[in-house]
Amino acid sequence: MKKLIICSLLVIVTACANSPSITDNDNVKAIPKGYEAVSVCHSGEATEKKEIEQLALAECPVGSGNVHPWDFNWFMNDCPLTKRKRITFLCTQ
């Protein structure tokens, strides 16, 4: 019974940890002049594209109406181990 409880807790914690989150833009491809960029850490298996895009758009400056993928990185990107993939979006109108 104790093992079942521990396994259940680990599954719950892991599931929560896989929600996409905003991160920094360090080491991304040069951002074009006049654009803002937003980076999101995610787990590709547990996250839908639309969810990631909505999170990025919410972090864009006021007046932005869309985001476009700009850079993708899965190594040395300050994302936690449970969501190692980072995608950077350009905020556009």
Protein backbone atom coordinates (compact mmCIF):
# COMPACT_ATOMS: atom_id res chain seq x y z
CA MET A 1 0.00 0.00 0.00
CA LYS A 2 2.83 2.38 0.87
CA LYS A 3 4.45 1.80 -2.54
CA LEU A 4 1.15 2.52 -4.28
CA ILE A 5 0.81 5.86 -2.49
CA ILE A 6 4.39 6.84 -3.29
CA CYS A 7 3.98 5.88 -6.97
CA SER A 8 0.72 7.84 -7.17
CA LEU A 9 2.36 10.93 -5.72
CA LEU A 10 5.25 10.68 -8.16
CA VAL A 11 2.87 10.44 -11.11
CA ILE A 12 0.94 13.50 -9.93
CA VAL A 13 4.08 15.56 -9.35
CA THR A 14 5.53 14.54 -12.72
CA ALA A 15 2.30 15.38 -14.54
CA CYS A 16 2.24 18.87 -13.02
CA ALA A 17 5.88 19.45 -13.85
CA ASN A 18 5.23 18.89 -17.54
CA SER A 19 3.03 21.96 -17.98
CA PRO A 20 4.70 24.42 -20.35
CA SER A 21 6.39 27.42 -18.76
CA ILE A 22 8.07 30.66 -19.84
CA THR A 23 11.86 30.78 -19.73
CA ASP A 24 14.64 33.14 -20.80
CA ASN A 25 15.84 33.81 -24.34
CA ASP A 26 19.51 33.03 -23.69
CA ASN A 27 21.36 31.31 -26.55
CA VAL A 28 18.60 31.68 -29.14
CA LYS A 29 19.12 32.56 -32.78
CA ALA A 30 19.52 36.35 -33.24
CA ILE A 31 16.13 38.03 -32.84
CA PRO A 32 15.29 40.34 -35.76
CA LYS A 33 15.33 44.04 -34.97
CA GLY A 34 11.92 45.36 -33.95
CA TYR A 35 10.57 42.02 -32.73
CA GLU A 36 10.01 40.68 -29.23
CA ALA A 37 10.63 37.01 -28.52
CA VAL A 38 9.15 34.65 -25.94
CA SER A 39 10.63 31.25 -25.05
CA VAL A 40 8.64 28.34 -23.64
CA CYS A 41 9.91 25.13 -22.01
CA HIS A 42 7.76 22.09 -22.72
CA SER A 43 7.63 18.34 -22.89
CA GLY A 44 6.78 17.44 -26.46
CA GLU A 45 4.90 14.30 -25.47
CA ALA A 46 2.60 15.91 -22.91
CA THR A 47 1.94 19.27 -24.54
CA GLU A 48 -0.17 20.35 -27.49
CA LYS A 49 1.10 22.97 -29.93
CA LYS A 50 -1.92 25.23 -29.34
CA GLU A 51 -1.30 25.29 -25.57
CA ILE A 52 2.32 26.37 -26.07
CA GLU A 53 1.36 29.07 -28.59
CA GLN A 54 -1.35 30.48 -26.27
CA LEU A 55 1.12 30.68 -23.36
CA ALA A 56 3.68 32.47 -25.55
CA LEU A 57 1.09 34.91 -26.92
CA ALA A 58 -0.03 35.78 -23.39
CA GLU A 59 3.59 36.83 -22.62
CA CYS A 60 3.96 38.95 -25.76
CA PRO A 61 3.65 42.75 -25.57
CA VAL A 62 0.19 44.29 -25.71
CA GLY A 63 -0.99 44.56 -29.28
CA SER A 64 0.59 41.32 -30.44
CA GLY A 65 -1.97 39.12 -32.13
CA ASN A 66 0.10 36.15 -33.17
CA VAL A 67 3.29 34.19 -32.55
CA HIS A 68 5.58 32.51 -35.07
CA PRO A 69 8.13 29.80 -34.21
CA TRP A 70 11.64 31.21 -34.46
CA ASP A 71 14.10 28.88 -32.72
CA PHE A 72 14.09 25.43 -31.14
CA ASN A 73 16.57 24.13 -28.60
CA TRP A 74 16.76 21.08 -26.36
CA PHE A 75 20.29 21.43 -24.97
CA MET A 76 21.67 23.94 -22.44
CA ASN A 77 18.52 26.03 -22.38
CA ASP A 78 17.69 26.44 -18.65
CA CYS A 79 14.59 24.23 -18.94
CA PRO A 80 13.93 21.62 -16.23
CA LEU A 81 14.60 17.95 -16.95
CA THR A 82 10.89 17.14 -17.18
CA LYS A 83 10.45 19.58 -20.07
CA ARG A 84 13.78 19.85 -21.86
CA LYS A 85 12.49 21.28 -25.13
CA ARG A 86 12.49 25.04 -25.60
CA ILE A 87 10.78 26.82 -28.45
CA THR A 88 11.16 30.54 -29.04
CA PHE A 89 8.43 32.51 -30.76
CA LEU A 90 8.48 35.95 -32.37
CA CYS A 91 5.56 38.14 -31.32
CA THR A 92 3.79 39.67 -34.31
CA GLN A 93 0.68 41.75 -34.94
